[in-house]
Amino acid sequence: MILRLSVVIEKDKDGYYAYCPALAGCQTQGGSAEEVEHNIREAISLYLSTLSEAERQELLNQEIKTTVMEIQVA
């Protein structure tokens, strides 16, 4: 089964940080973009494997919208 989940990846002074907003506490880090992408896939897979089918369906049926906004700054 293929799932589509939103993942946020941020670059900071120490490397990269990633988390999945739909899965509270599901987060990881890595030294490169490729490493953090691999790590978050693994973290999500492990996270989902700990849930019952009912818990998994409840989490995956949440609607999370991501967007980009332009804000005028004075």
PDB file of N, CA and C in Angstrom:
ATOM      1  N   MET A   1       0.837  -1.170   0.000  1.00  0.00           N
ATOM      2  CA  MET A   1       0.000   0.000   0.000  1.00  0.00           C
ATOM      3  C   MET A   1       0.888   1.241   0.000  1.00  0.00           C
ATOM      4  N   ILE A   2       0.542   2.208  -0.822  1.00  0.00           N
ATOM      5  CA  ILE A   2       1.288   3.473  -0.882  1.00  0.00           C
ATOM      6  C   ILE A   2       0.454   4.547  -0.189  1.00  0.00           C
ATOM      7  N   LEU A   3       1.059   5.257   0.740  1.00  0.00           N
ATOM      8  CA  LEU A   3       0.394   6.338   1.462  1.00  0.00           C
ATOM      9  C   LEU A   3       1.005   7.664   1.064  1.00  0.00           C
ATOM     10  N   ARG A   4       0.186   8.699   1.078  1.00  0.00           N
ATOM     11  CA  ARG A   4       0.677  10.057   0.821  1.00  0.00           C
ATOM     12  C   ARG A   4       0.558  10.844   2.116  1.00  0.00           C
ATOM     13  N   LEU A   5       1.682  11.262   2.648  1.00  0.00           N
ATOM     14  CA  LEU A   5       1.721  12.024   3.892  1.00  0.00           C
ATOM     15  C   LEU A   5       2.547  13.285   3.681  1.00  0.00           C
ATOM     16  N   SER A   6       2.130  14.356   4.326  1.00  0.00           N
ATOM     17  CA  SER A   6       2.909  15.588   4.286  1.00  0.00           C
ATOM     18  C   SER A   6       4.122  15.448   5.195  1.00  0.00           C
ATOM     19  N   VAL A   7       5.265  15.915   4.706  1.00  0.00           N
ATOM     20  CA  VAL A   7       6.506  15.912   5.469  1.00  0.00           C
ATOM     21  C   VAL A   7       7.127  17.294   5.333  1.00  0.00           C
ATOM     22  N   VAL A   8       7.598  17.836   6.435  1.00  0.00           N
ATOM     23  CA  VAL A   8       8.285  19.123   6.437  1.00  0.00           C
ATOM     24  C   VAL A   8       9.769  18.855   6.645  1.00  0.00           C
ATOM     25  N   ILE A   9      10.587  19.445   5.776  1.00  0.00           N
ATOM     26  CA  ILE A   9      12.045  19.327   5.899  1.00  0.00           C
ATOM     27  C   ILE A   9      12.617  20.733   6.007  1.00  0.00           C
ATOM     28  N   GLU A  10      13.400  20.940   7.044  1.00  0.00           N
ATOM     29  CA  GLU A  10      14.013  22.254   7.282  1.00  0.00           C
ATOM     30  C   GLU A  10      15.523  22.102   7.342  1.00  0.00           C
ATOM     31  N   LYS A  11      16.216  23.069   6.765  1.00  0.00           N
ATOM     32  CA  LYS A  11      17.674  23.096   6.855  1.00  0.00           C
ATOM     33  C   LYS A  11      18.056  24.054   7.964  1.00  0.00           C
ATOM     34  N   ASP A  12      18.977  23.641   8.811  1.00  0.00           N
ATOM     35  CA  ASP A  12      19.478  24.528   9.852  1.00  0.00           C
ATOM     36  C   ASP A  12      21.004  24.427   9.917  1.00  0.00           C
ATOM     37  N   LYS A  13      21.602  25.056  10.898  1.00  0.00           N
ATOM     38  CA  LYS A  13      23.073  25.093  10.979  1.00  0.00           C
ATOM     39  C   LYS A  13      23.705  23.719  11.208  1.00  0.00           C
ATOM     40  N   ASP A  14      22.914  22.768  11.711  1.00  0.00           N
ATOM     41  CA  ASP A  14      23.447  21.438  12.007  1.00  0.00           C
ATOM     42  C   ASP A  14      23.146  20.401  10.934  1.00  0.00           C
ATOM     43  N   GLY A  15      22.393  20.760   9.906  1.00  0.00           N
ATOM     44  CA  GLY A  15      22.017  19.808   8.865  1.00  0.00           C
ATOM     45  C   GLY A  15      20.559  19.960   8.503  1.00  0.00           C
ATOM     46  N   TYR A  16      19.825  18.874   8.525  1.00  0.00           N
ATOM     47  CA  TYR A  16      18.420  18.880   8.134  1.00  0.00           C
ATOM     48  C   TYR A  16      17.577  18.228   9.217  1.00  0.00           C
ATOM     49  N   TYR A  17      16.363  18.740   9.364  1.00  0.00           N
ATOM     50  CA  TYR A  17      15.392  18.241  10.334  1.00  0.00           C
ATOM     51  C   TYR A  17      14.102  17.975   9.573  1.00  0.00           C
ATOM     52  N   ALA A  18      13.446  16.849   9.835  1.00  0.00           N
ATOM     53  CA  ALA A  18      12.201  16.514   9.138  1.00  0.00           C
ATOM     54  C   ALA A  18      11.181  15.975  10.129  1.00  0.00           C
ATOM     55  N   TYR A  19       9.899  16.284   9.850  1.00  0.00           N
ATOM     56  CA  TYR A  19       8.821  15.741  10.662  1.00  0.00           C
ATOM     57  C   TYR A  19       7.559  15.579   9.822  1.00  0.00           C
ATOM     58  N   CYS A  20       6.672  14.730  10.309  1.00  0.00           N
ATOM     59  CA  CYS A  20       5.404  14.458   9.647  1.00  0.00           C
ATOM     60  C   CYS A  20       4.297  15.036  10.528  1.00  0.00           C
ATOM     61  N   PRO A  21       3.644  16.141  10.114  1.00  0.00           N
ATOM     62  CA  PRO A  21       2.631  16.782  10.954  1.00  0.00           C
ATOM     63  C   PRO A  21       1.480  15.868  11.373  1.00  0.00           C
ATOM     64  N   ALA A  22       1.124  14.895  10.561  1.00  0.00           N
ATOM     65  CA  ALA A  22       0.001  14.007  10.881  1.00  0.00           C
ATOM     66  C   ALA A  22       0.347  12.983  11.964  1.00  0.00           C
ATOM     67  N   LEU A  23       1.635  12.790  12.221  1.00  0.00           N
ATOM     68  CA  LEU A  23       2.080  11.773  13.172  1.00  0.00           C
ATOM     69  C   LEU A  23       2.868  12.436  14.291  1.00  0.00           C
ATOM     70  N   ALA A  24       2.184  12.789  15.360  1.00  0.00           N
ATOM     71  CA  ALA A  24       2.794  13.528  16.469  1.00  0.00           C
ATOM     72  C   ALA A  24       4.062  12.842  16.964  1.00  0.00           C
ATOM     73  N   GLY A  25       5.145  13.591  17.004  1.00  0.00           N
ATOM     74  CA  GLY A  25       6.407  13.071  17.493  1.00  0.00           C
ATOM     75  C   GLY A  25       7.236  12.316  16.475  1.00  0.00           C
ATOM     76  N   CYS A  26       6.728  12.180  15.260  1.00  0.00           N
ATOM     77  CA  CYS A  26       7.465  11.462  14.211  1.00  0.00           C
ATOM     78  C   CYS A  26       8.414  12.457  13.543  1.00  0.00           C
ATOM     79  N   GLN A  27       9.672  12.389  13.942  1.00  0.00           N
ATOM     80  CA  GLN A  27      10.660  13.362  13.475  1.00  0.00           C
ATOM     81  C   GLN A  27      12.038  12.719  13.407  1.00  0.00           C
ATOM     82  N   THR A  28      12.920  13.372  12.675  1.00  0.00           N
ATOM     83  CA  THR A  28      14.275  12.848  12.541  1.00  0.00           C
ATOM     84  C   THR A  28      15.193  13.964  12.068  1.00  0.00           C
ATOM     85  N   GLN A  29      16.450  13.640  11.921  1.00  0.00           N
ATOM     86  CA  GLN A  29      17.424  14.598  11.400  1.00  0.00           C
ATOM     87  C   GLN A  29      18.425  13.865  10.525  1.00  0.00           C
ATOM     88  N   GLY A  30      19.213  14.630   9.799  1.00  0.00           N
ATOM     89  CA  GLY A  30      20.239  14.048   8.946  1.00  0.00           C
ATOM     90  C   GLY A  30      21.220  15.098   8.505  1.00  0.00           C
ATOM     91  N   GLY A  31      22.367  14.664   8.046  1.00  0.00           N
ATOM     92  CA  GLY A  31      23.416  15.572   7.615  1.00  0.00           C
ATOM     93  C   GLY A  31      23.216  16.109   6.205  1.00  0.00           C
ATOM     94  N   SER A  32      22.373  15.451   5.426  1.00  0.00           N
ATOM     95  CA  SER A  32      22.105  15.891   4.054  1.00  0.00           C
ATOM     96  C   SER A  32      20.614  15.734   3.776  1.00  0.00           C
ATOM     97  N   ALA A  33      20.151  16.353   2.695  1.00  0.00           N
ATOM     98  CA  ALA A  33      18.747  16.228   2.311  1.00  0.00           C
ATOM     99  C   ALA A  33      18.403  14.768   2.025  1.00  0.00           C
ATOM    100  N   GLU A  34      19.290  14.065   1.360  1.00  0.00           N
ATOM    101  CA  GLU A  34      19.049  12.658   1.033  1.00  0.00           C
ATOM    102  C   GLU A  34      18.955  11.805   2.303  1.00  0.00           C
ATOM    103  N   GLU A  35      19.849  12.075   3.247  1.00  0.00           N
ATOM    104  CA  GLU A  35      19.848  11.305   4.492  1.00  0.00           C
ATOM    105  C   GLU A  35      18.577  11.549   5.291  1.00  0.00           C
ATOM    106  N   VAL A  36      18.152  12.798   5.402  1.00  0.00           N
ATOM    107  CA  VAL A  36      16.953  13.085   6.194  1.00  0.00           C
ATOM    108  C   VAL A  36      15.702  12.522   5.512  1.00  0.00           C
ATOM    109  N   GLU A  37      15.662  12.514   4.177  1.00  0.00           N
ATOM    110  CA  GLU A  37      14.526  11.913   3.473  1.00  0.00           C
ATOM    111  C   GLU A  37      14.465  10.413   3.745  1.00  0.00           C
ATOM    112  N   HIS A  38      15.609   9.755   3.698  1.00  0.00           N
ATOM    113  CA  HIS A  38      15.658   8.324   4.023  1.00  0.00           C
ATOM    114  C   HIS A  38      15.208   8.099   5.466  1.00  0.00           C
ATOM    115  N   ASN A  39      15.714   8.922   6.380  1.00  0.00           N
ATOM    116  CA  ASN A  39      15.401   8.764   7.802  1.00  0.00           C
ATOM    117  C   ASN A  39      13.925   8.985   8.099  1.00  0.00           C
ATOM    118  N   ILE A  40      13.295   9.978   7.460  1.00  0.00           N
ATOM    119  CA  ILE A  40      11.880  10.239   7.757  1.00  0.00           C
ATOM    120  C   ILE A  40      11.005   9.136   7.172  1.00  0.00           C
ATOM    121  N   ARG A  41      11.382   8.576   6.030  1.00  0.00           N
ATOM    122  CA  ARG A  41      10.622   7.426   5.496  1.00  0.00           C
ATOM    123  C   ARG A  41      10.666   6.260   6.491  1.00  0.00           C
ATOM    124  N   GLU A  42      11.844   6.013   7.026  1.00  0.00           N
ATOM    125  CA  GLU A  42      11.999   4.933   7.996  1.00  0.00           C
ATOM    126  C   GLU A  42      11.217   5.240   9.279  1.00  0.00           C
ATOM    127  N   ALA A  43      11.291   6.483   9.750  1.00  0.00           N
ATOM    128  CA  ALA A  43      10.583   6.877  10.974  1.00  0.00           C
ATOM    129  C   ALA A  43       9.067   6.727  10.801  1.00  0.00           C
ATOM    130  N   ILE A  44       8.545   7.135   9.644  1.00  0.00           N
ATOM    131  CA  ILE A  44       7.113   7.009   9.375  1.00  0.00           C
ATOM    132  C   ILE A  44       6.713   5.537   9.340  1.00  0.00           C
ATOM    133  N   SER A  45       7.481   4.730   8.666  1.00  0.00           N
ATOM    134  CA  SER A  45       7.186   3.306   8.572  1.00  0.00           C
ATOM    135  C   SER A  45       7.160   2.659   9.955  1.00  0.00           C
ATOM    136  N   LEU A  46       8.151   2.963  10.770  1.00  0.00           N
ATOM    137  CA  LEU A  46       8.203   2.411  12.124  1.00  0.00           C
ATOM    138  C   LEU A  46       7.039   2.921  12.971  1.00  0.00           C
ATOM    139  N   TYR A  47       6.737   4.201  12.854  1.00  0.00           N
ATOM    140  CA  TYR A  47       5.631   4.804  13.602  1.00  0.00           C
ATOM    141  C   TYR A  47       4.328   4.094  13.262  1.00  0.00           C
ATOM    142  N   LEU A  48       4.046   3.947  11.966  1.00  0.00           N
ATOM    143  CA  LEU A  48       2.801   3.320  11.535  1.00  0.00           C
ATOM    144  C   LEU A  48       2.724   1.857  11.951  1.00  0.00           C
ATOM    145  N   SER A  49       3.860   1.183  12.032  1.00  0.00           N
ATOM    146  CA  SER A  49       3.859  -0.234  12.410  1.00  0.00           C
ATOM    147  C   SER A  49       3.470  -0.441  13.873  1.00  0.00           C
ATOM    148  N   THR A  50       3.537   0.614  14.690  1.00  0.00           N
ATOM    149  CA  THR A  50       3.176   0.496  16.107  1.00  0.00           C
ATOM    150  C   THR A  50       1.682   0.714  16.350  1.00  0.00           C
ATOM    151  N   LEU A  51       0.947   1.144  15.326  1.00  0.00           N
ATOM    152  CA  LEU A  51      -0.467   1.478  15.489  1.00  0.00           C
ATOM    153  C   LEU A  51      -1.372   0.314  15.123  1.00  0.00           C
ATOM    154  N   SER A  52      -2.529   0.288  15.761  1.00  0.00           N
ATOM    155  CA  SER A  52      -3.550  -0.673  15.352  1.00  0.00           C
ATOM    156  C   SER A  52      -4.132  -0.185  14.025  1.00  0.00           C
ATOM    157  N   GLU A  53      -4.860  -1.039  13.337  1.00  0.00           N
ATOM    158  CA  GLU A  53      -5.472  -0.639  12.061  1.00  0.00           C
ATOM    159  C   GLU A  53      -6.432   0.529  12.260  1.00  0.00           C
ATOM    160  N   ALA A  54      -7.206   0.531  13.335  1.00  0.00           N
ATOM    161  CA  ALA A  54      -8.151   1.623  13.610  1.00  0.00           C
ATOM    162  C   ALA A  54      -7.408   2.934  13.853  1.00  0.00           C
ATOM    163  N   GLU A  55      -6.329   2.885  14.627  1.00  0.00           N
ATOM    164  CA  GLU A  55      -5.534   4.093  14.889  1.00  0.00           C
ATOM    165  C   GLU A  55      -4.913   4.616  13.597  1.00  0.00           C
ATOM    166  N   ARG A  56      -4.417   3.705  12.791  1.00  0.00           N
ATOM    167  CA  ARG A  56      -3.790   4.091  11.519  1.00  0.00           C
ATOM    168  C   ARG A  56      -4.806   4.784  10.619  1.00  0.00           C
ATOM    169  N   GLN A  57      -5.988   4.216  10.493  1.00  0.00           N
ATOM    170  CA  GLN A  57      -7.013   4.805   9.632  1.00  0.00           C
ATOM    171  C   GLN A  57      -7.445   6.175  10.143  1.00  0.00           C
ATOM    172  N   GLU A  58      -7.576   6.319  11.460  1.00  0.00           N
ATOM    173  CA  GLU A  58      -7.962   7.606  12.038  1.00  0.00           C
ATOM    174  C   GLU A  58      -6.924   8.685  11.706  1.00  0.00           C
ATOM    175  N   LEU A  59      -5.663   8.369  11.872  1.00  0.00           N
ATOM    176  CA  LEU A  59      -4.598   9.332  11.572  1.00  0.00           C
ATOM    177  C   LEU A  59      -4.524   9.651  10.084  1.00  0.00           C
ATOM    178  N   LEU A  60      -4.648   8.647   9.252  1.00  0.00           N
ATOM    179  CA  LEU A  60      -4.478   8.844   7.820  1.00  0.00           C
ATOM    180  C   LEU A  60      -5.686   9.491   7.163  1.00  0.00           C
ATOM    181  N   ASN A  61      -6.813   9.553   7.862  1.00  0.00           N
ATOM    182  CA  ASN A  61      -7.996  10.207   7.321  1.00  0.00           C
ATOM    183  C   ASN A  61      -8.076  11.677   7.704  1.00  0.00           C
ATOM    184  N   GLN A  62      -7.098  12.172   8.447  1.00  0.00           N
ATOM    185  CA  GLN A  62      -7.048  13.591   8.776  1.00  0.00           C
ATOM    186  C   GLN A  62      -6.788  14.395   7.508  1.00  0.00           C
ATOM    187  N   GLU A  63      -7.353  15.580   7.458  1.00  0.00           N
ATOM    188  CA  GLU A  63      -7.073  16.457   6.328  1.00  0.00           C
ATOM    189  C   GLU A  63      -6.114  17.545   6.795  1.00  0.00           C
ATOM    190  N   ILE A  64      -4.942  17.557   6.202  1.00  0.00           N
ATOM    191  CA  ILE A  64      -3.941  18.573   6.507  1.00  0.00           C
ATOM    192  C   ILE A  64      -3.618  19.281   5.205  1.00  0.00           C
ATOM    193  N   LYS A  65      -3.799  20.574   5.202  1.00  0.00           N
ATOM    194  CA  LYS A  65      -3.531  21.362   4.002  1.00  0.00           C
ATOM    195  C   LYS A  65      -2.242  22.139   4.215  1.00  0.00           C
ATOM    196  N   THR A  66      -1.380  22.095   3.223  1.00  0.00           N
ATOM    197  CA  THR A  66      -0.183  22.922   3.249  1.00  0.00           C
ATOM    198  C   THR A  66      -0.265  23.895   2.081  1.00  0.00           C
ATOM    199  N   THR A  67       0.239  25.072   2.296  1.00  0.00           N
ATOM    200  CA  THR A  67       0.202  26.094   1.263  1.00  0.00           C
ATOM    201  C   THR A  67       1.374  27.050   1.446  1.00  0.00           C
ATOM    202  N   VAL A  68       1.585  27.865   0.460  1.00  0.00           N
ATOM    203  CA  VAL A  68       2.582  28.929   0.523  1.00  0.00           C
ATOM    204  C   VAL A  68       1.829  30.244   0.402  1.00  0.00           C
ATOM    205  N   MET A  69       2.134  31.178   1.256  1.00  0.00           N
ATOM    206  CA  MET A  69       1.467  32.476   1.228  1.00  0.00           C
ATOM    207  C   MET A  69       2.475  33.576   0.988  1.00  0.00           C
ATOM    208  N   GLU A  70       2.062  34.586   0.252  1.00  0.00           N
ATOM    209  CA  GLU A  70       2.875  35.780   0.085  1.00  0.00           C
ATOM    210  C   GLU A  70       2.350  36.830   1.056  1.00  0.00           C
ATOM    211  N   ILE A  71       3.245  37.372   1.860  1.00  0.00           N
ATOM    212  CA  ILE A  71       2.895  38.362   2.859  1.00  0.00           C
ATOM    213  C   ILE A  71       3.732  39.606   2.598  1.00  0.00           C
ATOM    214  N   GLN A  72       3.049  40.742   2.483  1.00  0.00           N
ATOM    215  CA  GLN A  72       3.785  41.996   2.277  1.00  0.00           C
ATOM    216  C   GLN A  72       4.327  42.477   3.616  1.00  0.00           C
ATOM    217  N   VAL A  73       5.619  42.770   3.628  1.00  0.00           N
ATOM    218  CA  VAL A  73       6.278  43.257   4.826  1.00  0.00           C
ATOM    219  C   VAL A  73       6.699  44.689   4.590  1.00  0.00           C
ATOM    220  N   ALA A  74       6.430  45.531   5.579  1.00  0.00           N
ATOM    221  CA  ALA A  74       6.752  46.955   5.440  1.00  0.00           C
ATOM    222  C   ALA A  74       8.235  47.202   5.425  1.00  0.00           C
TER     223      ALA A  74
END
